[in-house]
Amino acid sequence: MTAVHTESFSIATRGKGTYEISGQLEAIVAASGIQRGVATVFVRHTSCSLIIMENADPSARQDLHEWFDRMVPENTPWFVHTLEGNDDMPSHIRMVLTDVDKNVPVLDGRPALGTWQGLFLFEHRRAPHRREIVVTVMGQ
């Protein structure tokens, strides 16, 4: 029989950047009691996203931030959707390029992230926000 456990949590951001949430995922998987299965993580917003990225060397994330700033620059004159500021449409595009959900296998009651992998909320807006994340763990 498959068990299902769902919890949500929020994270306060300080503006653009990556915020590791691996610890929150580990705690929810442990609370579920599920030993083998999958954890689905979903962020309920359209101007931030979820990524799995190296968590050992912060310069890898610094390079990622720089790459996105160059690929989807703010103040692009032909963007129409700018009601909330010059970072509004670039935030939505960055979200589409990375996505709002991740599936992580659960093995031996823990998320099966690799040695150098971390799960991060990727905030694309300059202003601080409170982001809501939903985690569903399914398995046995």
N, C-alpha and C. Protein backbone atom coordinates (compact mmCIF):
# COMPACT_ATOMS: atom_id res chain seq x y z
N MET A 1 0.84 -1.18 0.00
CA MET A 1 0.00 0.00 0.00
C MET A 1 0.89 1.25 0.00
N THR A 2 0.55 2.22 -0.84
CA THR A 2 1.31 3.45 -0.95
C THR A 2 0.83 4.48 0.08
N ALA A 3 1.76 5.06 0.79
CA ALA A 3 1.45 6.13 1.75
C ALA A 3 1.70 7.47 1.08
N VAL A 4 0.94 8.48 1.50
CA VAL A 4 1.10 9.85 0.98
C VAL A 4 1.15 10.80 2.17
N HIS A 5 2.12 11.69 2.15
CA HIS A 5 2.30 12.69 3.21
C HIS A 5 2.55 14.04 2.54
N THR A 6 1.77 15.06 2.90
CA THR A 6 1.93 16.39 2.32
C THR A 6 2.10 17.42 3.42
N GLU A 7 3.08 18.29 3.24
CA GLU A 7 3.32 19.42 4.15
C GLU A 7 3.71 20.62 3.32
N SER A 8 3.50 21.80 3.88
CA SER A 8 3.98 23.01 3.22
C SER A 8 4.79 23.84 4.21
N PHE A 9 5.62 24.68 3.68
CA PHE A 9 6.40 25.61 4.50
C PHE A 9 6.64 26.86 3.67
N SER A 10 7.03 27.91 4.34
CA SER A 10 7.35 29.14 3.61
C SER A 10 8.79 29.53 3.89
N ILE A 11 9.35 30.28 2.97
CA ILE A 11 10.72 30.76 3.11
C ILE A 11 10.72 32.24 2.76
N ALA A 12 11.37 33.02 3.58
CA ALA A 12 11.51 34.45 3.32
C ALA A 12 12.79 34.67 2.52
N THR A 13 12.68 35.36 1.41
CA THR A 13 13.87 35.68 0.62
C THR A 13 14.26 37.13 0.88
N ARG A 14 15.50 37.45 0.57
CA ARG A 14 16.02 38.80 0.70
C ARG A 14 16.18 39.45 -0.66
N GLY A 15 15.55 38.86 -1.67
CA GLY A 15 15.70 39.33 -3.05
C GLY A 15 16.37 38.28 -3.88
N LYS A 16 16.79 38.67 -5.09
CA LYS A 16 17.35 37.73 -6.06
C LYS A 16 18.45 36.87 -5.46
N GLY A 17 18.40 35.58 -5.83
CA GLY A 17 19.43 34.67 -5.38
C GLY A 17 18.88 33.28 -5.16
N THR A 18 19.74 32.39 -4.68
CA THR A 18 19.37 31.01 -4.40
C THR A 18 19.39 30.77 -2.90
N TYR A 19 18.39 30.04 -2.43
CA TYR A 19 18.20 29.78 -1.01
C TYR A 19 18.03 28.28 -0.82
N GLU A 20 18.97 27.65 -0.15
CA GLU A 20 18.91 26.19 -0.03
C GLU A 20 17.77 25.77 0.89
N ILE A 21 17.00 24.79 0.42
CA ILE A 21 15.88 24.24 1.18
C ILE A 21 16.00 22.72 1.35
N SER A 22 17.20 22.19 1.18
CA SER A 22 17.41 20.75 1.34
C SER A 22 17.05 20.29 2.75
N GLY A 23 17.37 21.08 3.75
CA GLY A 23 17.07 20.71 5.14
C GLY A 23 15.59 20.58 5.40
N GLN A 24 14.80 21.50 4.84
CA GLN A 24 13.34 21.41 5.01
C GLN A 24 12.81 20.16 4.32
N LEU A 25 13.34 19.84 3.13
CA LEU A 25 12.92 18.63 2.43
C LEU A 25 13.26 17.39 3.26
N GLU A 26 14.47 17.34 3.80
CA GLU A 26 14.87 16.19 4.63
C GLU A 26 13.95 16.01 5.82
N ALA A 27 13.59 17.11 6.47
CA ALA A 27 12.72 17.04 7.65
C ALA A 27 11.33 16.52 7.28
N ILE A 28 10.80 16.95 6.16
CA ILE A 28 9.47 16.51 5.74
C ILE A 28 9.49 15.03 5.35
N VAL A 29 10.54 14.60 4.64
CA VAL A 29 10.65 13.19 4.28
C VAL A 29 10.76 12.35 5.55
N ALA A 30 11.55 12.78 6.51
CA ALA A 30 11.69 12.03 7.77
C ALA A 30 10.34 11.96 8.50
N ALA A 31 9.61 13.06 8.55
CA ALA A 31 8.31 13.09 9.23
C ALA A 31 7.29 12.19 8.54
N SER A 32 7.46 11.96 7.26
CA SER A 32 6.51 11.13 6.51
C SER A 32 6.60 9.66 6.89
N GLY A 33 7.77 9.21 7.35
CA GLY A 33 7.98 7.81 7.65
C GLY A 33 8.16 6.93 6.42
N ILE A 34 8.13 7.53 5.25
CA ILE A 34 8.28 6.78 4.00
C ILE A 34 9.75 6.46 3.76
N GLN A 35 10.03 5.21 3.46
CA GLN A 35 11.41 4.74 3.27
C GLN A 35 11.84 4.71 1.81
N ARG A 36 10.90 4.40 0.91
CA ARG A 36 11.19 4.32 -0.53
C ARG A 36 10.05 4.95 -1.28
N GLY A 37 10.38 5.85 -2.20
CA GLY A 37 9.34 6.50 -2.98
C GLY A 37 9.87 7.74 -3.68
N VAL A 38 9.05 8.78 -3.68
CA VAL A 38 9.43 10.02 -4.34
C VAL A 38 8.85 11.21 -3.57
N ALA A 39 9.61 12.28 -3.54
CA ALA A 39 9.14 13.54 -2.97
C ALA A 39 8.97 14.53 -4.11
N THR A 40 7.79 15.09 -4.21
CA THR A 40 7.52 16.13 -5.20
C THR A 40 7.50 17.46 -4.46
N VAL A 41 8.31 18.39 -4.93
CA VAL A 41 8.42 19.71 -4.32
C VAL A 41 7.88 20.73 -5.32
N PHE A 42 7.00 21.62 -4.87
CA PHE A 42 6.32 22.57 -5.75
C PHE A 42 6.30 23.94 -5.09
N VAL A 43 6.70 24.98 -5.82
CA VAL A 43 6.63 26.34 -5.31
C VAL A 43 5.45 27.03 -5.97
N ARG A 44 4.62 27.70 -5.15
CA ARG A 44 3.34 28.24 -5.60
C ARG A 44 3.45 29.70 -6.07
N HIS A 45 4.38 29.96 -6.97
CA HIS A 45 4.59 31.32 -7.46
C HIS A 45 5.08 31.29 -8.90
N THR A 46 4.99 32.42 -9.59
CA THR A 46 5.41 32.48 -11.00
C THR A 46 6.62 33.38 -11.23
N SER A 47 7.24 33.85 -10.16
CA SER A 47 8.43 34.67 -10.33
C SER A 47 9.61 34.16 -9.51
N CYS A 48 9.55 32.89 -9.16
CA CYS A 48 10.67 32.18 -8.54
C CYS A 48 10.57 30.74 -9.03
N SER A 49 11.56 29.93 -8.71
CA SER A 49 11.56 28.56 -9.21
C SER A 49 12.35 27.67 -8.26
N LEU A 50 12.42 26.39 -8.62
CA LEU A 50 13.19 25.41 -7.86
C LEU A 50 14.29 24.85 -8.76
N ILE A 51 15.46 24.68 -8.19
CA ILE A 51 16.57 24.09 -8.94
C ILE A 51 17.32 23.12 -8.03
N ILE A 52 17.97 22.15 -8.65
CA ILE A 52 18.95 21.32 -7.96
C ILE A 52 20.30 21.77 -8.50
N MET A 53 21.17 22.17 -7.58
CA MET A 53 22.43 22.81 -7.96
C MET A 53 23.50 22.38 -6.98
N GLU A 54 24.74 22.57 -7.37
CA GLU A 54 25.86 22.31 -6.46
C GLU A 54 25.69 23.14 -5.20
N ASN A 55 25.90 22.49 -4.04
CA ASN A 55 25.77 23.22 -2.78
C ASN A 55 27.09 23.35 -2.03
N ALA A 56 28.18 22.88 -2.61
CA ALA A 56 29.47 22.93 -1.92
C ALA A 56 30.21 24.24 -2.18
N ASP A 57 30.23 24.70 -3.40
CA ASP A 57 30.97 25.90 -3.76
C ASP A 57 29.99 26.99 -4.21
N PRO A 58 29.81 28.04 -3.42
CA PRO A 58 28.86 29.10 -3.76
C PRO A 58 29.17 29.80 -5.09
N SER A 59 30.39 29.68 -5.58
CA SER A 59 30.71 30.36 -6.85
C SER A 59 29.94 29.73 -8.02
N ALA A 60 29.54 28.47 -7.90
CA ALA A 60 28.74 27.84 -8.95
C ALA A 60 27.39 28.55 -9.06
N ARG A 61 26.79 28.87 -7.92
CA ARG A 61 25.51 29.59 -7.93
C ARG A 61 25.71 31.05 -8.35
N GLN A 62 26.82 31.64 -7.97
CA GLN A 62 27.13 33.00 -8.40
C GLN A 62 27.20 33.06 -9.93
N ASP A 63 27.85 32.09 -10.54
CA ASP A 63 27.92 32.03 -12.01
C ASP A 63 26.54 31.83 -12.61
N LEU A 64 25.71 31.00 -11.98
CA LEU A 64 24.34 30.80 -12.46
C LEU A 64 23.56 32.11 -12.43
N HIS A 65 23.66 32.85 -11.33
CA HIS A 65 22.96 34.14 -11.22
C HIS A 65 23.41 35.08 -12.33
N GLU A 66 24.71 35.15 -12.56
CA GLU A 66 25.25 36.03 -13.61
C GLU A 66 24.75 35.61 -14.99
N TRP A 67 24.72 34.31 -15.25
CA TRP A 67 24.26 33.81 -16.55
C TRP A 67 22.80 34.22 -16.79
N PHE A 68 21.94 34.05 -15.77
CA PHE A 68 20.54 34.45 -15.94
C PHE A 68 20.40 35.95 -16.12
N ASP A 69 21.20 36.74 -15.42
CA ASP A 69 21.15 38.20 -15.60
C ASP A 69 21.50 38.59 -17.03
N ARG A 70 22.42 37.86 -17.64
CA ARG A 70 22.81 38.16 -19.03
C ARG A 70 21.82 37.60 -20.04
N MET A 71 21.27 36.41 -19.76
CA MET A 71 20.34 35.79 -20.71
C MET A 71 18.98 36.47 -20.73
N VAL A 72 18.49 36.90 -19.56
CA VAL A 72 17.18 37.53 -19.45
C VAL A 72 17.35 38.84 -18.67
N PRO A 73 17.88 39.86 -19.34
CA PRO A 73 18.18 41.10 -18.62
C PRO A 73 16.92 41.89 -18.25
N GLU A 74 17.04 42.59 -17.14
CA GLU A 74 15.98 43.54 -16.75
C GLU A 74 16.10 44.77 -17.65
N ASN A 75 15.07 45.58 -17.62
CA ASN A 75 15.02 46.82 -18.41
C ASN A 75 15.03 46.56 -19.91
N THR A 76 14.55 45.39 -20.33
CA THR A 76 14.44 45.10 -21.76
C THR A 76 13.31 45.96 -22.31
N PRO A 77 13.60 46.84 -23.28
CA PRO A 77 12.61 47.83 -23.71
C PRO A 77 11.37 47.26 -24.39
N TRP A 78 11.43 46.08 -24.96
CA TRP A 78 10.27 45.54 -25.66
C TRP A 78 9.38 44.66 -24.80
N PHE A 79 9.70 44.46 -23.51
CA PHE A 79 8.78 43.74 -22.61
C PHE A 79 7.56 44.61 -22.33
N VAL A 80 6.40 44.03 -22.42
CA VAL A 80 5.14 44.73 -22.18
C VAL A 80 4.68 44.52 -20.74
N HIS A 81 4.89 43.33 -20.20
CA HIS A 81 4.43 42.98 -18.86
C HIS A 81 5.41 43.53 -17.81
N THR A 82 5.25 44.80 -17.46
CA THR A 82 6.17 45.46 -16.53
C THR A 82 5.42 46.17 -15.40
N LEU A 83 4.16 45.79 -15.17
CA LEU A 83 3.33 46.47 -14.18
C LEU A 83 3.98 46.52 -12.80
N GLU A 84 4.68 45.44 -12.42
CA GLU A 84 5.30 45.38 -11.10
C GLU A 84 6.77 45.76 -11.11
N GLY A 85 7.26 46.31 -12.21
CA GLY A 85 8.65 46.75 -12.27
C GLY A 85 9.42 46.10 -13.40
N ASN A 86 10.64 46.57 -13.58
CA ASN A 86 11.48 46.08 -14.67
C ASN A 86 11.97 44.65 -14.48
N ASP A 87 11.83 44.12 -13.26
CA ASP A 87 12.23 42.72 -13.04
C ASP A 87 11.03 41.77 -13.15
N ASP A 88 9.84 42.29 -13.47
CA ASP A 88 8.63 41.48 -13.50
C ASP A 88 8.67 40.42 -14.60
N MET A 89 8.73 40.82 -15.85
CA MET A 89 8.74 39.84 -16.95
C MET A 89 10.00 38.98 -16.95
N PRO A 90 11.18 39.54 -16.70
CA PRO A 90 12.36 38.66 -16.62
C PRO A 90 12.20 37.56 -15.56
N SER A 91 11.53 37.87 -14.45
CA SER A 91 11.30 36.86 -13.41
C SER A 91 10.44 35.72 -13.92
N HIS A 92 9.41 36.04 -14.68
CA HIS A 92 8.54 35.00 -15.23
C HIS A 92 9.29 34.14 -16.24
N ILE A 93 10.10 34.75 -17.08
CA ILE A 93 10.86 33.99 -18.08
C ILE A 93 11.87 33.07 -17.39
N ARG A 94 12.55 33.58 -16.37
CA ARG A 94 13.51 32.75 -15.64
C ARG A 94 12.83 31.57 -14.97
N MET A 95 11.60 31.79 -14.46
CA MET A 95 10.84 30.70 -13.86
C MET A 95 10.52 29.63 -14.91
N VAL A 96 10.09 30.06 -16.10
CA VAL A 96 9.75 29.10 -17.15
C VAL A 96 10.97 28.29 -17.56
N LEU A 97 12.14 28.92 -17.59
CA LEU A 97 13.36 28.23 -17.98
C LEU A 97 13.83 27.20 -16.95
N THR A 98 13.44 27.39 -15.70
CA THR A 98 13.89 26.49 -14.64
C THR A 98 12.77 25.62 -14.09
N ASP A 99 11.57 26.13 -13.90
CA ASP A 99 10.36 25.42 -13.51
C ASP A 99 10.05 25.55 -12.02
N VAL A 100 8.84 25.17 -11.68
CA VAL A 100 8.33 25.34 -10.31
C VAL A 100 8.24 24.05 -9.52
N ASP A 101 8.70 22.92 -10.09
CA ASP A 101 8.63 21.68 -9.34
C ASP A 101 9.85 20.80 -9.60
N LYS A 102 10.11 19.94 -8.62
CA LYS A 102 11.19 18.96 -8.72
C LYS A 102 10.71 17.67 -8.09
N ASN A 103 11.13 16.56 -8.65
CA ASN A 103 10.89 15.24 -8.08
C ASN A 103 12.22 14.70 -7.59
N VAL A 104 12.26 14.27 -6.34
CA VAL A 104 13.48 13.74 -5.75
C VAL A 104 13.18 12.33 -5.22
N PRO A 105 13.93 11.32 -5.65
CA PRO A 105 13.71 9.98 -5.12
C PRO A 105 13.96 9.94 -3.60
N VAL A 106 13.23 9.06 -2.94
CA VAL A 106 13.43 8.83 -1.50
C VAL A 106 13.97 7.41 -1.36
N LEU A 107 15.14 7.29 -0.73
CA LEU A 107 15.79 6.00 -0.47
C LEU A 107 16.17 5.95 1.01
N ASP A 108 15.84 4.87 1.65
CA ASP A 108 16.17 4.69 3.08
C ASP A 108 15.70 5.86 3.93
N GLY A 109 14.51 6.38 3.61
CA GLY A 109 13.91 7.44 4.41
C GLY A 109 14.53 8.81 4.26
N ARG A 110 15.32 9.00 3.20
CA ARG A 110 15.99 10.30 2.97
C ARG A 110 15.90 10.69 1.51
N PRO A 111 15.90 12.00 1.22
CA PRO A 111 15.98 12.42 -0.19
C PRO A 111 17.30 11.92 -0.78
N ALA A 112 17.25 11.37 -1.98
CA ALA A 112 18.43 10.77 -2.60
C ALA A 112 19.19 11.79 -3.44
N LEU A 113 19.50 12.93 -2.85
CA LEU A 113 20.32 13.93 -3.53
C LEU A 113 21.76 13.46 -3.55
N GLY A 114 22.49 13.81 -4.59
CA GLY A 114 23.89 13.44 -4.69
C GLY A 114 24.75 14.20 -3.70
N THR A 115 25.99 13.78 -3.59
CA THR A 115 26.92 14.35 -2.61
C THR A 115 27.01 15.87 -2.69
N TRP A 116 27.04 16.44 -3.87
CA TRP A 116 27.23 17.88 -4.02
C TRP A 116 25.94 18.58 -4.44
N GLN A 117 24.81 17.87 -4.39
CA GLN A 117 23.55 18.47 -4.83
C GLN A 117 22.78 19.06 -3.66
N GLY A 118 22.16 20.20 -3.91
CA GLY A 118 21.24 20.81 -2.97
C GLY A 118 20.00 21.25 -3.71
N LEU A 119 18.89 21.29 -2.99
CA LEU A 119 17.64 21.81 -3.55
C LEU A 119 17.53 23.27 -3.13
N PHE A 120 17.29 24.13 -4.11
CA PHE A 120 17.27 25.57 -3.86
C PHE A 120 15.99 26.21 -4.39
N LEU A 121 15.49 27.18 -3.64
CA LEU A 121 14.53 28.12 -4.17
C LEU A 121 15.34 29.18 -4.91
N PHE A 122 14.98 29.45 -6.14
CA PHE A 122 15.69 30.43 -6.96
C PHE A 122 14.78 31.66 -7.07
N GLU A 123 15.08 32.67 -6.28
CA GLU A 123 14.28 33.91 -6.28
C GLU A 123 14.72 34.79 -7.44
N HIS A 124 13.76 35.19 -8.26
CA HIS A 124 14.07 36.00 -9.44
C HIS A 124 13.72 37.47 -9.28
N ARG A 125 13.07 37.85 -8.18
CA ARG A 125 12.68 39.24 -7.97
C ARG A 125 13.71 39.93 -7.08
N ARG A 126 13.88 41.25 -7.28
CA ARG A 126 14.83 42.03 -6.48
C ARG A 126 14.35 42.24 -5.06
N ALA A 127 13.04 42.41 -4.88
CA ALA A 127 12.48 42.69 -3.56
C ALA A 127 12.35 41.40 -2.74
N PRO A 128 12.41 41.51 -1.43
CA PRO A 128 12.17 40.34 -0.58
C PRO A 128 10.73 39.83 -0.76
N HIS A 129 10.57 38.52 -0.66
CA HIS A 129 9.25 37.89 -0.76
C HIS A 129 9.16 36.74 0.24
N ARG A 130 7.95 36.33 0.54
CA ARG A 130 7.70 35.11 1.30
C ARG A 130 7.14 34.11 0.32
N ARG A 131 7.84 32.99 0.13
CA ARG A 131 7.47 31.99 -0.86
C ARG A 131 6.94 30.74 -0.19
N GLU A 132 5.88 30.20 -0.76
CA GLU A 132 5.21 29.01 -0.19
C GLU A 132 5.58 27.78 -1.02
N ILE A 133 6.00 26.74 -0.32
CA ILE A 133 6.44 25.51 -0.97
C ILE A 133 5.63 24.34 -0.42
N VAL A 134 5.16 23.47 -1.31
CA VAL A 134 4.39 22.29 -0.94
C VAL A 134 5.21 21.05 -1.29
N VAL A 135 5.31 20.13 -0.34
CA VAL A 135 6.04 18.89 -0.55
C VAL A 135 5.08 17.71 -0.34
N THR A 136 5.03 16.81 -1.32
CA THR A 136 4.25 15.58 -1.19
C THR A 136 5.22 14.41 -1.32
N VAL A 137 5.20 13.54 -0.31
CA VAL A 137 6.06 12.36 -0.30
C VAL A 137 5.14 11.15 -0.47
N MET A 138 5.45 10.31 -1.47
CA MET A 138 4.65 9.11 -1.74
C MET A 138 5.56 7.90 -1.79
N GLY A 139 5.09 6.81 -1.24
CA GLY A 139 5.86 5.58 -1.29
C GLY A 139 5.51 4.64 -0.17
N GLN A 140 6.50 3.85 0.23
CA GLN A 140 6.29 2.85 1.28
C GLN A 140 7.29 3.02 2.39
